[in-house]
């Protein structure tokens, strides 16, 4: 036979209520302290490792900057391709019919213009 516990009047918080509360002050302080200690550890480790190295040229930094710009440019262009592929997949699988999608967008723009 199943037994139930009596209700004490305080219901457990749901997921949405927990997310809306935000972090506590203690949690924020602990997170900030761990983050600062981690950054200090990284800085001292890099300084210790690079202490004996002397660079007479700026070329390594220039090449690093160029490599980063190329990588960021690739990611920027790749984002356009990913977006096109996602839209093509939705249209190809007939998840949304293109005419219905156009009507929805037209309705959205009419509501936007009427509201503003």
C-alpha atoms as a PDB file:
ATOM      1  CA  UNK A   1       0.000   0.000   0.000  1.00  0.00           C
ATOM      2  CA  UNK A   2       1.374   3.370  -0.989  1.00  0.00           C
ATOM      3  CA  UNK A   3       1.669   6.119   1.558  1.00  0.00           C
ATOM      4  CA  UNK A   4       1.859   9.809   0.843  1.00  0.00           C
ATOM      5  CA  UNK A   5       3.598  12.462   2.824  1.00  0.00           C
ATOM      6  CA  UNK A   6       1.508  15.338   4.069  1.00  0.00           C
ATOM      7  CA  UNK A   7       1.795  18.629   2.231  1.00  0.00           C
ATOM      8  CA  UNK A   8       3.657  21.171   4.363  1.00  0.00           C
ATOM      9  CA  UNK A   9       2.422  24.145   2.369  1.00  0.00           C
ATOM     10  CA  UNK A  10       5.685  24.931   0.588  1.00  0.00           C
ATOM     11  CA  UNK A  11       5.750  23.588  -2.930  1.00  0.00           C
ATOM     12  CA  UNK A  12       9.103  23.023  -4.602  1.00  0.00           C
ATOM     13  CA  UNK A  13      10.070  25.691  -7.091  1.00  0.00           C
ATOM     14  CA  UNK A  14       9.629  24.928 -10.766  1.00  0.00           C
ATOM     15  CA  UNK A  15      12.349  25.389 -13.343  1.00  0.00           C
ATOM     16  CA  UNK A  16      11.094  28.775 -14.505  1.00  0.00           C
ATOM     17  CA  UNK A  17      10.925  30.190 -11.002  1.00  0.00           C
ATOM     18  CA  UNK A  18      14.499  29.047 -10.322  1.00  0.00           C
ATOM     19  CA  UNK A  19      15.755  30.633 -13.534  1.00  0.00           C
ATOM     20  CA  UNK A  20      13.970  33.915 -12.861  1.00  0.00           C
ATOM     21  CA  UNK A  21      15.483  34.260  -9.384  1.00  0.00           C
ATOM     22  CA  UNK A  22      19.060  34.744 -10.583  1.00  0.00           C
ATOM     23  CA  UNK A  23      22.253  33.768  -8.803  1.00  0.00           C
ATOM     24  CA  UNK A  24      22.744  34.361  -5.115  1.00  0.00           C
ATOM     25  CA  UNK A  25      25.331  36.789  -3.802  1.00  0.00           C
ATOM     26  CA  UNK A  26      27.483  33.969  -2.396  1.00  0.00           C
ATOM     27  CA  UNK A  27      27.399  32.090  -5.692  1.00  0.00           C
ATOM     28  CA  UNK A  28      28.392  35.224  -7.583  1.00  0.00           C
ATOM     29  CA  UNK A  29      31.285  35.909  -5.204  1.00  0.00           C
ATOM     30  CA  UNK A  30      32.546  32.317  -5.414  1.00  0.00           C
ATOM     31  CA  UNK A  31      32.331  32.353  -9.216  1.00  0.00           C
ATOM     32  CA  UNK A  32      34.131  35.703  -9.418  1.00  0.00           C
ATOM     33  CA  UNK A  33      36.865  34.551  -7.028  1.00  0.00           C
ATOM     34  CA  UNK A  34      37.487  31.333  -8.957  1.00  0.00           C
ATOM     35  CA  UNK A  35      37.550  33.299 -12.228  1.00  0.00           C
ATOM     36  CA  UNK A  36      40.080  35.819 -10.887  1.00  0.00           C
ATOM     37  CA  UNK A  37      42.288  33.066  -9.428  1.00  0.00           C
ATOM     38  CA  UNK A  38      42.199  31.236 -12.758  1.00  0.00           C
ATOM     39  CA  UNK A  39      43.221  34.362 -14.660  1.00  0.00           C
ATOM     40  CA  UNK A  40      46.073  35.019 -12.211  1.00  0.00           C
ATOM     41  CA  UNK A  41      47.275  31.423 -12.628  1.00  0.00           C
ATOM     42  CA  UNK A  42      47.164  31.715 -16.426  1.00  0.00           C
ATOM     43  CA  UNK A  43      49.034  35.035 -16.386  1.00  0.00           C
ATOM     44  CA  UNK A  44      51.800  33.816 -14.086  1.00  0.00           C
ATOM     45  CA  UNK A  45      52.191  30.573 -16.030  1.00  0.00           C
ATOM     46  CA  UNK A  46      52.538  32.382 -19.353  1.00  0.00           C
ATOM     47  CA  UNK A  47      54.965  34.916 -17.860  1.00  0.00           C
ATOM     48  CA  UNK A  48      57.095  32.112 -16.392  1.00  0.00           C
ATOM     49  CA  UNK A  49      57.125  30.144 -19.654  1.00  0.00           C
ATOM     50  CA  UNK A  50      57.966  33.151 -21.829  1.00  0.00           C
ATOM     51  CA  UNK A  51      60.429  34.775 -19.431  1.00  0.00           C
ATOM     52  CA  UNK A  52      63.512  33.320 -21.121  1.00  0.00           C
ATOM     53  CA  UNK A  53      62.413  34.027 -24.693  1.00  0.00           C
ATOM     54  CA  UNK A  54      63.456  37.186 -26.483  1.00  0.00           C
ATOM     55  CA  UNK A  55      61.879  38.190 -29.763  1.00  0.00           C
ATOM     56  CA  UNK A  56      63.761  40.601 -31.942  1.00  0.00           C
ATOM     57  CA  UNK A  57      61.047  40.925 -34.546  1.00  0.00           C
ATOM     58  CA  UNK A  58      57.363  41.779 -34.739  1.00  0.00           C
ATOM     59  CA  UNK A  59      56.712  39.286 -37.562  1.00  0.00           C
ATOM     60  CA  UNK A  60      55.301  36.545 -35.330  1.00  0.00           C
ATOM     61  CA  UNK A  61      52.685  38.975 -34.030  1.00  0.00           C
ATOM     62  CA  UNK A  62      51.870  40.233 -37.524  1.00  0.00           C
ATOM     63  CA  UNK A  63      51.458  36.679 -38.799  1.00  0.00           C
ATOM     64  CA  UNK A  64      49.294  35.791 -35.804  1.00  0.00           C
ATOM     65  CA  UNK A  65      47.076  38.802 -36.510  1.00  0.00           C
ATOM     66  CA  UNK A  66      46.741  37.833 -40.176  1.00  0.00           C
ATOM     67  CA  UNK A  67      45.891  34.244 -39.254  1.00  0.00           C
ATOM     68  CA  UNK A  68      43.224  35.438 -36.812  1.00  0.00           C
ATOM     69  CA  UNK A  69      41.699  37.774 -39.416  1.00  0.00           C
ATOM     70  CA  UNK A  70      41.582  34.947 -41.976  1.00  0.00           C
ATOM     71  CA  UNK A  71      39.933  32.627 -39.441  1.00  0.00           C
ATOM     72  CA  UNK A  72      37.360  35.248 -38.423  1.00  0.00           C
ATOM     73  CA  UNK A  73      36.626  36.035 -42.075  1.00  0.00           C
ATOM     74  CA  UNK A  74      36.082  32.350 -42.784  1.00  0.00           C
ATOM     75  CA  UNK A  75      33.691  32.039 -39.838  1.00  0.00           C
ATOM     76  CA  UNK A  76      31.796  35.123 -41.025  1.00  0.00           C
ATOM     77  CA  UNK A  77      31.314  33.743 -44.542  1.00  0.00           C
ATOM     78  CA  UNK A  78      30.569  30.258 -43.215  1.00  0.00           C
ATOM     79  CA  UNK A  79      27.704  31.719 -41.180  1.00  0.00           C
ATOM     80  CA  UNK A  80      26.016  32.862 -44.391  1.00  0.00           C
ATOM     81  CA  UNK A  81      26.404  29.395 -45.880  1.00  0.00           C
ATOM     82  CA  UNK A  82      25.008  27.715 -42.761  1.00  0.00           C
ATOM     83  CA  UNK A  83      22.003  30.024 -42.821  1.00  0.00           C
ATOM     84  CA  UNK A  84      21.319  29.289 -46.483  1.00  0.00           C
ATOM     85  CA  UNK A  85      21.590  25.555 -45.835  1.00  0.00           C
ATOM     86  CA  UNK A  86      19.174  25.752 -42.906  1.00  0.00           C
ATOM     87  CA  UNK A  87      16.597  27.659 -44.945  1.00  0.00           C
ATOM     88  CA  UNK A  88      16.990  25.294 -47.916  1.00  0.00           C
ATOM     89  CA  UNK A  89      16.511  22.284 -45.631  1.00  0.00           C
ATOM     90  CA  UNK A  90      13.287  23.698 -44.196  1.00  0.00           C
ATOM     91  CA  UNK A  91      11.938  24.443 -47.676  1.00  0.00           C
ATOM     92  CA  UNK A  92      13.074  21.129 -49.176  1.00  0.00           C
ATOM     93  CA  UNK A  93      11.525  19.021 -46.418  1.00  0.00           C
ATOM     94  CA  UNK A  94       8.271  20.987 -46.820  1.00  0.00           C
ATOM     95  CA  UNK A  95       8.282  21.771 -43.136  1.00  0.00           C
ATOM     96  CA  UNK A  96       6.984  25.211 -44.107  1.00  0.00           C
ATOM     97  CA  UNK A  97       5.476  25.757 -47.500  1.00  0.00           C
ATOM     98  CA  UNK A  98       7.130  28.723 -49.189  1.00  0.00           C
ATOM     99  CA  UNK A  99       3.838  30.435 -49.957  1.00  0.00           C
ATOM    100  CA  UNK A 100       2.715  30.130 -46.338  1.00  0.00           C
ATOM    101  CA  UNK A 101       6.071  31.418 -45.213  1.00  0.00           C
ATOM    102  CA  UNK A 102       5.770  34.446 -47.483  1.00  0.00           C
ATOM    103  CA  UNK A 103       2.284  35.138 -46.179  1.00  0.00           C
ATOM    104  CA  UNK A 104       3.539  34.897 -42.607  1.00  0.00           C
ATOM    105  CA  UNK A 105       6.376  37.286 -43.342  1.00  0.00           C
ATOM    106  CA  UNK A 106       4.022  39.686 -45.105  1.00  0.00           C
ATOM    107  CA  UNK A 107       1.746  39.623 -42.077  1.00  0.00           C
ATOM    108  CA  UNK A 108       4.720  40.229 -39.803  1.00  0.00           C
ATOM    109  CA  UNK A 109       5.844  43.266 -41.786  1.00  0.00           C
ATOM    110  CA  UNK A 110       2.303  44.681 -41.894  1.00  0.00           C
ATOM    111  CA  UNK A 111       2.010  44.353 -38.121  1.00  0.00           C
ATOM    112  CA  UNK A 112       5.450  45.884 -37.677  1.00  0.00           C
ATOM    113  CA  UNK A 113       4.632  48.890 -39.880  1.00  0.00           C
ATOM    114  CA  UNK A 114       1.204  49.359 -38.267  1.00  0.00           C
ATOM    115  CA  UNK A 115       2.718  49.237 -34.770  1.00  0.00           C
ATOM    116  CA  UNK A 116       5.526  51.693 -35.485  1.00  0.00           C
END
